[in-house]
PDB file of N, CA and C in Angstrom:
ATOM      1  N   MET A   1      10.812  17.437  52.187  1.00  0.00           N
ATOM      2  CA  MET A   1      11.711  18.549  52.418  1.00  0.00           C
ATOM      3  C   MET A   1      13.099  18.060  52.826  1.00  0.00           C
ATOM      4  N   GLN A   2      13.164  17.060  53.646  1.00  0.00           N
ATOM      5  CA  GLN A   2      14.450  16.566  54.107  1.00  0.00           C
ATOM      6  C   GLN A   2      15.237  15.913  52.972  1.00  0.00           C
ATOM      7  N   ARG A   3      14.545  15.280  52.051  1.00  0.00           N
ATOM      8  CA  ARG A   3      15.227  14.620  50.941  1.00  0.00           C
ATOM      9  C   ARG A   3      15.954  15.640  50.068  1.00  0.00           C
ATOM     10  N   GLN A   4      15.351  16.780  49.829  1.00  0.00           N
ATOM     11  CA  GLN A   4      15.986  17.819  49.024  1.00  0.00           C
ATOM     12  C   GLN A   4      17.260  18.328  49.701  1.00  0.00           C
ATOM     13  N   THR A   5      17.206  18.488  50.993  1.00  0.00           N
ATOM     14  CA  THR A   5      18.366  18.964  51.728  1.00  0.00           C
ATOM     15  C   THR A   5      19.494  17.949  51.660  1.00  0.00           C
ATOM     16  N   ALA A   6      19.158  16.673  51.805  1.00  0.00           N
ATOM     17  CA  ALA A   6      20.172  15.616  51.736  1.00  0.00           C
ATOM     18  C   ALA A   6      20.783  15.552  50.341  1.00  0.00           C
ATOM     19  N   LEU A   7      19.987  15.688  49.308  1.00  0.00           N
ATOM     20  CA  LEU A   7      20.508  15.663  47.938  1.00  0.00           C
ATOM     21  C   LEU A   7      21.425  16.855  47.689  1.00  0.00           C
ATOM     22  N   LYS A   8      21.026  17.998  48.190  1.00  0.00           N
ATOM     23  CA  LYS A   8      21.838  19.202  48.015  1.00  0.00           C
ATOM     24  C   LYS A   8      23.187  19.038  48.713  1.00  0.00           C
ATOM     25  N   ARG A   9      23.171  18.486  49.908  1.00  0.00           N
ATOM     26  CA  ARG A   9      24.396  18.261  50.672  1.00  0.00           C
ATOM     27  C   ARG A   9      25.304  17.260  49.941  1.00  0.00           C
ATOM     28  N   GLN A  10      24.698  16.213  49.383  1.00  0.00           N
ATOM     29  CA  GLN A  10      25.449  15.195  48.658  1.00  0.00           C
ATOM     30  C   GLN A  10      26.096  15.797  47.401  1.00  0.00           C
ATOM     31  N   LYS A  11      25.363  16.621  46.675  1.00  0.00           N
ATOM     32  CA  LYS A  11      25.900  17.264  45.477  1.00  0.00           C
ATOM     33  C   LYS A  11      27.050  18.202  45.830  1.00  0.00           C
ATOM     34  N   GLU A  12      26.897  18.917  46.935  1.00  0.00           N
ATOM     35  CA  GLU A  12      27.938  19.839  47.367  1.00  0.00           C
ATOM     36  C   GLU A  12      29.215  19.076  47.735  1.00  0.00           C
ATOM     37  N   ARG A  13      29.082  17.955  48.431  1.00  0.00           N
ATOM     38  CA  ARG A  13      30.258  17.142  48.769  1.00  0.00           C
ATOM     39  C   ARG A  13      30.932  16.616  47.517  1.00  0.00           C
ATOM     40  N   ALA A  14      30.149  16.168  46.534  1.00  0.00           N
ATOM     41  CA  ALA A  14      30.711  15.662  45.279  1.00  0.00           C
ATOM     42  C   ALA A  14      31.450  16.777  44.541  1.00  0.00           C
ATOM     43  N   ARG A  15      30.888  17.970  44.550  1.00  0.00           N
ATOM     44  CA  ARG A  15      31.525  19.105  43.878  1.00  0.00           C
ATOM     45  C   ARG A  15      32.861  19.447  44.538  1.00  0.00           C
ATOM     46  N   ILE A  16      32.890  19.463  45.853  1.00  0.00           N
ATOM     47  CA  ILE A  16      34.122  19.771  46.581  1.00  0.00           C
ATOM     48  C   ILE A  16      35.177  18.701  46.326  1.00  0.00           C
ATOM     49  N   GLU A  17      34.771  17.434  46.321  1.00  0.00           N
ATOM     50  CA  GLU A  17      35.710  16.339  46.076  1.00  0.00           C
ATOM     51  C   GLU A  17      36.288  16.432  44.662  1.00  0.00           C
ATOM     52  N   LYS A  18      35.460  16.738  43.700  1.00  0.00           N
ATOM     53  CA  LYS A  18      35.929  16.876  42.318  1.00  0.00           C
ATOM     54  C   LYS A  18      36.934  18.019  42.211  1.00  0.00           C
ATOM     55  N   GLN A  19      36.671  19.116  42.894  1.00  0.00           N
ATOM     56  CA  GLN A  19      37.588  20.250  42.874  1.00  0.00           C
ATOM     57  C   GLN A  19      38.922  19.877  43.521  1.00  0.00           C
ATOM     58  N   ARG A  20      38.889  19.096  44.594  1.00  0.00           N
ATOM     59  CA  ARG A  20      40.135  18.643  45.232  1.00  0.00           C
ATOM     60  C   ARG A  20      40.950  17.781  44.269  1.00  0.00           C
ATOM     61  N   GLU A  21      40.271  16.882  43.548  1.00  0.00           N
ATOM     62  CA  GLU A  21      40.955  16.024  42.591  1.00  0.00           C
ATOM     63  C   GLU A  21      41.588  16.850  41.472  1.00  0.00           C
ATOM     64  N   LYS A  22      40.863  17.842  40.981  1.00  0.00           N
ATOM     65  CA  LYS A  22      41.391  18.691  39.916  1.00  0.00           C
ATOM     66  C   LYS A  22      42.626  19.450  40.407  1.00  0.00           C
ATOM     67  N   THR A  23      42.572  19.955  41.612  1.00  0.00           N
ATOM     68  CA  THR A  23      43.706  20.688  42.168  1.00  0.00           C
ATOM     69  C   THR A  23      44.910  19.768  42.320  1.00  0.00           C
ATOM     70  N   ALA A  24      44.690  18.560  42.793  1.00  0.00           N
ATOM     71  CA  ALA A  24      45.783  17.597  42.943  1.00  0.00           C
ATOM     72  C   ALA A  24      46.381  17.251  41.585  1.00  0.00           C
ATOM     73  N   ASN A  25      45.539  17.083  40.576  1.00  0.00           N
ATOM     74  CA  ASN A  25      46.036  16.779  39.234  1.00  0.00           C
ATOM     75  C   ASN A  25      46.855  17.936  38.679  1.00  0.00           C
ATOM     76  N   ARG A  26      46.415  19.160  38.926  1.00  0.00           N
ATOM     77  CA  ARG A  26      47.167  20.326  38.459  1.00  0.00           C
ATOM     78  C   ARG A  26      48.556  20.365  39.082  1.00  0.00           C
ATOM     79  N   HIS A  27      48.632  20.119  40.401  1.00  0.00           N
ATOM     80  CA  HIS A  27      49.925  20.124  41.080  1.00  0.00           C
ATOM     81  C   HIS A  27      50.815  19.009  40.543  1.00  0.00           C
ATOM     82  N   GLU A  28      50.236  17.854  40.305  1.00  0.00           N
ATOM     83  CA  GLU A  28      51.007  16.723  39.792  1.00  0.00           C
ATOM     84  C   GLU A  28      51.569  17.038  38.401  1.00  0.00           C
ATOM     85  N   ARG A  29      50.739  17.601  37.521  1.00  0.00           N
ATOM     86  CA  ARG A  29      51.201  17.960  36.177  1.00  0.00           C
ATOM     87  C   ARG A  29      52.290  19.023  36.252  1.00  0.00           C
ATOM     88  N   ARG A  30      52.123  19.986  37.145  1.00  0.00           N
ATOM     89  CA  ARG A  30      53.109  21.056  37.287  1.00  0.00           C
ATOM     90  C   ARG A  30      54.449  20.473  37.723  1.00  0.00           C
ATOM     91  N   ASN A  31      54.424  19.515  38.662  1.00  0.00           N
ATOM     92  CA  ASN A  31      55.661  18.895  39.132  1.00  0.00           C
ATOM     93  C   ASN A  31      56.292  18.040  38.035  1.00  0.00           C
ATOM     94  N   ASP A  32      55.501  17.316  37.266  1.00  0.00           N
ATOM     95  CA  ASP A  32      56.017  16.482  36.185  1.00  0.00           C
ATOM     96  C   ASP A  32      56.616  17.341  35.083  1.00  0.00           C
ATOM     97  N   LYS A  33      56.008  18.459  34.821  1.00  0.00           N
ATOM     98  CA  LYS A  33      56.464  19.348  33.760  1.00  0.00           C
ATOM     99  C   LYS A  33      57.868  19.878  34.076  1.00  0.00           C
ATOM    100  N   GLY A  34      58.122  20.187  35.297  1.00  0.00           N
ATOM    101  CA  GLY A  34      59.412  20.732  35.689  1.00  0.00           C
ATOM    102  C   GLY A  34      60.516  19.692  35.745  1.00  0.00           C
ATOM    103  N   SER A  35      60.196  18.424  35.873  1.00  0.00           N
ATOM    104  CA  SER A  35      61.212  17.385  36.025  1.00  0.00           C
ATOM    105  C   SER A  35      61.607  16.737  34.707  1.00  0.00           C
ATOM    106  N   SER A  36      61.103  17.226  33.581  1.00  0.00           N
ATOM    107  CA  SER A  36      61.437  16.616  32.294  1.00  0.00           C
ATOM    108  C   SER A  36      62.668  17.292  31.701  1.00  0.00           C
ATOM    109  N   GLY A  37      63.804  17.157  32.363  1.00  0.00           N
ATOM    110  CA  GLY A  37      65.027  17.794  31.914  1.00  0.00           C
ATOM    111  C   GLY A  37      65.957  16.846  31.190  1.00  0.00           C
ATOM    112  N   SER A  38      65.483  15.720  30.675  1.00  0.00           N
ATOM    113  CA  SER A  38      66.334  14.735  30.024  1.00  0.00           C
ATOM    114  C   SER A  38      66.560  15.046  28.548  1.00  0.00           C
ATOM    115  N   GLN A  39      66.053  16.148  28.048  1.00  0.00           N
ATOM    116  CA  GLN A  39      66.195  16.492  26.645  1.00  0.00           C
ATOM    117  C   GLN A  39      67.372  17.424  26.448  1.00  0.00           C
ATOM    118  N   ALA A  40      67.972  17.298  25.260  1.00  0.00           N
ATOM    119  CA  ALA A  40      69.056  18.206  24.912  1.00  0.00           C
ATOM    120  C   ALA A  40      68.452  19.565  24.570  1.00  0.00           C
ATOM    121  N   PRO A  41      69.146  20.632  24.866  1.00  0.00           N
ATOM    122  CA  PRO A  41      68.603  21.951  24.514  1.00  0.00           C
ATOM    123  C   PRO A  41      68.469  22.076  22.995  1.00  0.00           C
ATOM    124  N   GLY A  42      67.360  22.582  22.555  1.00  0.00           N
ATOM    125  CA  GLY A  42      67.110  22.748  21.130  1.00  0.00           C
ATOM    126  C   GLY A  42      66.503  21.525  20.468  1.00  0.00           C
ATOM    127  N   GLU A  43      66.307  20.432  21.205  1.00  0.00           N
ATOM    128  CA  GLU A  43      65.707  19.226  20.645  1.00  0.00           C
ATOM    129  C   GLU A  43      64.197  19.304  20.780  1.00  0.00           C
ATOM    130  N   ASP A  44      63.500  19.012  19.698  1.00  0.00           N
ATOM    131  CA  ASP A  44      62.036  19.058  19.702  1.00  0.00           C
ATOM    132  C   ASP A  44      61.504  17.817  20.418  1.00  0.00           C
ATOM    133  N   PRO A  45      60.729  17.977  21.492  1.00  0.00           N
ATOM    134  CA  PRO A  45      60.243  16.811  22.239  1.00  0.00           C
ATOM    135  C   PRO A  45      59.259  15.960  21.447  1.00  0.00           C
ATOM    136  N   ASP A  46      58.628  16.521  20.426  1.00  0.00           N
ATOM    137  CA  ASP A  46      57.677  15.746  19.632  1.00  0.00           C
ATOM    138  C   ASP A  46      58.363  14.716  18.753  1.00  0.00           C
ATOM    139  N   ILE A  47      59.581  15.002  18.339  1.00  0.00           N
ATOM    140  CA  ILE A  47      60.263  14.076  17.435  1.00  0.00           C
ATOM    141  C   ILE A  47      61.494  13.448  18.074  1.00  0.00           C
ATOM    142  N   ALA A  48      61.684  13.610  19.361  1.00  0.00           N
ATOM    143  CA  ALA A  48      62.826  13.030  20.050  1.00  0.00           C
ATOM    144  C   ALA A  48      62.732  11.508  20.016  1.00  0.00           C
ATOM    145  N   GLY A  49      63.809  10.873  19.643  1.00  0.00           N
ATOM    146  CA  GLY A  49      63.857   9.417  19.645  1.00  0.00           C
ATOM    147  C   GLY A  49      63.381   8.770  18.360  1.00  0.00           C
ATOM    148  N   ILE A  50      62.985   9.547  17.365  1.00  0.00           N
ATOM    149  CA  ILE A  50      62.537   8.982  16.098  1.00  0.00           C
ATOM    150  C   ILE A  50      63.766   8.714  15.239  1.00  0.00           C
ATOM    151  N   VAL A  51      63.830   7.507  14.670  1.00  0.00           N
ATOM    152  CA  VAL A  51      64.951   7.110  13.832  1.00  0.00           C
ATOM    153  C   VAL A  51      64.530   7.254  12.377  1.00  0.00           C
ATOM    154  N   PRO A  52      65.281   8.010  11.561  1.00  0.00           N
ATOM    155  CA  PRO A  52      64.921   8.141  10.159  1.00  0.00           C
ATOM    156  C   PRO A  52      65.210   6.849   9.399  1.00  0.00           C
ATOM    157  N   GLY A  53      64.516   6.645   8.303  1.00  0.00           N
ATOM    158  CA  GLY A  53      64.736   5.475   7.463  1.00  0.00           C
ATOM    159  C   GLY A  53      63.596   4.484   7.596  1.00  0.00           C
ATOM    160  N   PRO A  54      63.789   3.304   6.993  1.00  0.00           N
ATOM    161  CA  PRO A  54      62.726   2.298   7.032  1.00  0.00           C
ATOM    162  C   PRO A  54      62.437   1.854   8.462  1.00  0.00           C
ATOM    163  N   GLN A  55      61.184   1.635   8.733  1.00  0.00           N
ATOM    164  CA  GLN A  55      60.754   1.210  10.055  1.00  0.00           C
ATOM    165  C   GLN A  55      60.517  -0.298  10.054  1.00  0.00           C
ATOM    166  N   PRO A  56      60.686  -0.945  11.205  1.00  0.00           N
ATOM    167  CA  PRO A  56      60.440  -2.390  11.268  1.00  0.00           C
ATOM    168  C   PRO A  56      58.961  -2.674  11.030  1.00  0.00           C
ATOM    169  N   PRO A  57      58.641  -3.836  10.456  1.00  0.00           N
ATOM    170  CA  PRO A  57      57.240  -4.164  10.202  1.00  0.00           C
ATOM    171  C   PRO A  57      56.436  -4.291  11.488  1.00  0.00           C
ATOM    172  N   ALA A  58      55.189  -3.898  11.406  1.00  0.00           N
ATOM    173  CA  ALA A  58      54.308  -3.990  12.574  1.00  0.00           C
ATOM    174  C   ALA A  58      53.952  -5.456  12.821  1.00  0.00           C
ATOM    175  N   VAL A  59      53.948  -5.841  14.092  1.00  0.00           N
ATOM    176  CA  VAL A  59      53.617  -7.211  14.468  1.00  0.00           C
ATOM    177  C   VAL A  59      52.118  -7.307  14.676  1.00  0.00           C
ATOM    178  N   ASP A  60      51.489  -8.296  14.039  1.00  0.00           N
ATOM    179  CA  ASP A  60      50.030  -8.455  14.166  1.00  0.00           C
ATOM    180  C   ASP A  60      49.631  -9.152  15.412  1.00  0.00           C
TER     181      ASP A  60
END
């Protein structure tokens, strides 16, 4: 009986810790999202910095 209680307590602590990590990650992403102001207005972030024309050969 005691082993089941200890396992339940351990699972509950792991669940709470995982939720804390997820919350911290959400806050971090939210802060990073707001600080990305280095782009020109109207510039697509997916293609920013791409140079048209021939590309240099890949190094093996």
